[in-house]
Amino acid sequence: MPVYEYLCEKCKKTTEALQKVDDPPLETCESCGGKLNKSFNSMNFHLYGPGFYTTDNKKKYLK
């Protein structure tokens, strides 16, 4: 299940929620009752193991 991050318009507090993809988004802030908006954050994603550029081809091209 993905973790979604929400930002409150009123108090500017961020809230993280572990939700299913098909769950409805959160709408109200638990702290102040303001409207929540889904915010987008960057996430790190690395592929390791055979069959990926970083493990198979990178060393060939760095020589």
N, C-alpha and C. Protein backbone atom coordinates (compact mmCIF):
# COMPACT_ATOMS: atom_id res chain seq x y z
N MET A 1 0.84 -1.18 0.00
CA MET A 1 0.00 0.00 0.00
C MET A 1 0.88 1.24 0.00
N PRO A 2 0.54 2.22 -0.81
CA PRO A 2 1.33 3.46 -0.85
C PRO A 2 1.04 4.39 0.32
N VAL A 3 2.00 5.22 0.62
CA VAL A 3 1.84 6.26 1.64
C VAL A 3 1.59 7.57 0.92
N TYR A 4 0.47 8.21 1.22
CA TYR A 4 0.12 9.49 0.62
C TYR A 4 0.38 10.61 1.61
N GLU A 5 0.80 11.75 1.10
CA GLU A 5 1.06 12.91 1.95
C GLU A 5 0.04 14.00 1.61
N TYR A 6 -0.58 14.55 2.64
CA TYR A 6 -1.58 15.59 2.48
C TYR A 6 -1.11 16.86 3.18
N LEU A 7 -1.47 18.02 2.62
CA LEU A 7 -1.14 19.31 3.20
C LEU A 7 -2.43 20.07 3.49
N CYS A 8 -2.55 20.56 4.72
CA CYS A 8 -3.74 21.31 5.12
C CYS A 8 -3.64 22.75 4.61
N GLU A 9 -4.71 23.23 3.98
CA GLU A 9 -4.74 24.62 3.48
C GLU A 9 -4.74 25.63 4.62
N LYS A 10 -5.35 25.27 5.74
CA LYS A 10 -5.54 26.21 6.84
C LYS A 10 -4.31 26.30 7.75
N CYS A 11 -3.87 25.17 8.31
CA CYS A 11 -2.77 25.21 9.28
C CYS A 11 -1.42 24.80 8.68
N LYS A 12 -1.39 24.39 7.41
CA LYS A 12 -0.17 24.01 6.69
C LYS A 12 0.53 22.79 7.27
N LYS A 13 -0.19 22.00 8.06
CA LYS A 13 0.38 20.78 8.62
C LYS A 13 0.34 19.67 7.57
N THR A 14 1.41 18.86 7.51
CA THR A 14 1.41 17.72 6.60
C THR A 14 1.00 16.47 7.37
N THR A 15 0.26 15.61 6.68
CA THR A 15 -0.22 14.37 7.26
C THR A 15 0.08 13.25 6.29
N GLU A 16 0.61 12.14 6.79
CA GLU A 16 0.85 10.96 5.97
C GLU A 16 -0.22 9.92 6.26
N ALA A 17 -0.67 9.25 5.20
CA ALA A 17 -1.70 8.23 5.36
C ALA A 17 -1.36 7.02 4.51
N LEU A 18 -1.39 5.85 5.13
CA LEU A 18 -1.19 4.59 4.42
C LEU A 18 -2.55 4.14 3.92
N GLN A 19 -2.73 4.19 2.58
CA GLN A 19 -4.04 3.92 1.99
C GLN A 19 -3.91 3.01 0.79
N LYS A 20 -4.99 2.30 0.50
CA LYS A 20 -5.07 1.53 -0.73
C LYS A 20 -5.21 2.52 -1.89
N VAL A 21 -4.85 2.08 -3.08
CA VAL A 21 -4.95 2.94 -4.26
C VAL A 21 -6.39 3.36 -4.53
N ASP A 22 -7.34 2.47 -4.28
CA ASP A 22 -8.74 2.79 -4.57
C ASP A 22 -9.49 3.40 -3.38
N ASP A 23 -8.81 3.68 -2.26
CA ASP A 23 -9.44 4.36 -1.13
C ASP A 23 -9.71 5.82 -1.48
N PRO A 24 -10.80 6.39 -0.98
CA PRO A 24 -11.04 7.82 -1.23
C PRO A 24 -10.01 8.67 -0.48
N PRO A 25 -9.62 9.81 -1.07
CA PRO A 25 -8.62 10.66 -0.41
C PRO A 25 -9.17 11.29 0.87
N LEU A 26 -8.26 11.59 1.80
CA LEU A 26 -8.66 12.29 3.02
C LEU A 26 -9.10 13.70 2.66
N GLU A 27 -10.07 14.25 3.38
CA GLU A 27 -10.61 15.56 3.03
C GLU A 27 -10.43 16.61 4.11
N THR A 28 -10.46 16.20 5.40
CA THR A 28 -10.37 17.19 6.47
C THR A 28 -9.19 16.91 7.39
N CYS A 29 -8.56 17.99 7.84
CA CYS A 29 -7.41 17.92 8.74
C CYS A 29 -7.87 17.52 10.13
N GLU A 30 -7.16 16.58 10.75
CA GLU A 30 -7.52 16.14 12.10
C GLU A 30 -7.21 17.22 13.14
N SER A 31 -6.25 18.10 12.85
CA SER A 31 -5.84 19.13 13.82
C SER A 31 -6.80 20.31 13.87
N CYS A 32 -7.15 20.84 12.67
CA CYS A 32 -7.92 22.08 12.66
C CYS A 32 -9.24 21.99 11.88
N GLY A 33 -9.47 20.89 11.17
CA GLY A 33 -10.70 20.75 10.40
C GLY A 33 -10.64 21.39 9.02
N GLY A 34 -9.46 21.90 8.63
CA GLY A 34 -9.29 22.53 7.32
C GLY A 34 -9.28 21.50 6.20
N LYS A 35 -9.29 22.00 4.96
CA LYS A 35 -9.31 21.15 3.78
C LYS A 35 -7.91 20.61 3.50
N LEU A 36 -7.83 19.30 3.20
CA LEU A 36 -6.57 18.66 2.87
C LEU A 36 -6.42 18.54 1.36
N ASN A 37 -5.21 18.77 0.88
CA ASN A 37 -4.86 18.56 -0.52
C ASN A 37 -3.73 17.56 -0.59
N LYS A 38 -3.80 16.64 -1.55
CA LYS A 38 -2.74 15.67 -1.73
C LYS A 38 -1.50 16.40 -2.25
N SER A 39 -0.37 16.18 -1.61
CA SER A 39 0.87 16.82 -2.08
C SER A 39 1.75 15.75 -2.70
N PHE A 40 2.58 16.17 -3.63
CA PHE A 40 3.46 15.25 -4.33
C PHE A 40 4.87 15.44 -3.80
N ASN A 41 5.50 14.33 -3.47
CA ASN A 41 6.87 14.39 -2.98
C ASN A 41 7.73 13.47 -3.81
N SER A 42 9.02 13.69 -3.76
CA SER A 42 9.93 12.82 -4.50
C SER A 42 10.22 11.59 -3.67
N MET A 43 10.38 10.49 -4.34
CA MET A 43 10.71 9.26 -3.63
C MET A 43 11.90 8.61 -4.30
N ASN A 44 12.67 7.90 -3.53
CA ASN A 44 13.82 7.19 -4.07
C ASN A 44 13.40 5.81 -4.51
N PHE A 45 13.88 5.43 -5.70
CA PHE A 45 13.53 4.14 -6.25
C PHE A 45 14.77 3.59 -6.94
N HIS A 46 15.29 2.49 -6.46
CA HIS A 46 16.49 1.89 -7.03
C HIS A 46 16.18 0.45 -7.41
N LEU A 47 16.70 0.04 -8.56
CA LEU A 47 16.57 -1.33 -9.01
C LEU A 47 17.92 -2.01 -8.87
N TYR A 48 17.97 -3.10 -8.14
CA TYR A 48 19.21 -3.84 -7.94
C TYR A 48 19.04 -5.25 -8.46
N GLY A 49 20.15 -5.85 -8.82
CA GLY A 49 20.13 -7.23 -9.28
C GLY A 49 20.45 -7.32 -10.76
N PRO A 50 20.56 -8.51 -11.28
CA PRO A 50 20.88 -8.68 -12.70
C PRO A 50 19.72 -8.21 -13.58
N GLY A 51 20.09 -7.71 -14.76
CA GLY A 51 19.08 -7.28 -15.72
C GLY A 51 18.80 -5.79 -15.73
N PHE A 52 19.52 -5.01 -14.94
CA PHE A 52 19.32 -3.57 -14.90
C PHE A 52 20.59 -2.85 -15.35
N TYR A 53 20.46 -1.67 -15.89
CA TYR A 53 21.59 -0.90 -16.40
C TYR A 53 22.69 -0.74 -15.36
N THR A 54 22.34 -0.40 -14.15
CA THR A 54 23.36 -0.11 -13.13
C THR A 54 24.21 -1.32 -12.78
N THR A 55 23.69 -2.51 -12.95
CA THR A 55 24.48 -3.70 -12.61
C THR A 55 25.08 -4.39 -13.83
N ASP A 56 24.50 -4.23 -15.00
CA ASP A 56 24.99 -4.95 -16.18
C ASP A 56 25.85 -4.11 -17.12
N ASN A 57 25.47 -2.89 -17.41
CA ASN A 57 26.13 -2.11 -18.46
C ASN A 57 26.97 -0.95 -17.98
N LYS A 58 26.72 -0.43 -16.84
CA LYS A 58 27.37 0.79 -16.38
C LYS A 58 28.89 0.65 -16.38
N LYS A 59 29.42 -0.45 -15.90
CA LYS A 59 30.87 -0.63 -15.81
C LYS A 59 31.51 -0.67 -17.20
N LYS A 60 30.82 -1.22 -18.20
CA LYS A 60 31.35 -1.27 -19.57
C LYS A 60 31.56 0.13 -20.12
N TYR A 61 30.61 1.02 -19.89
CA TYR A 61 30.66 2.35 -20.46
C TYR A 61 31.56 3.30 -19.68
N LEU A 62 31.88 2.98 -18.45
CA LEU A 62 32.74 3.84 -17.65
C LEU A 62 34.22 3.61 -17.94
N LYS A 63 34.57 2.52 -18.62
CA LYS A 63 35.99 2.22 -18.93
C LYS A 63 36.52 3.12 -20.01
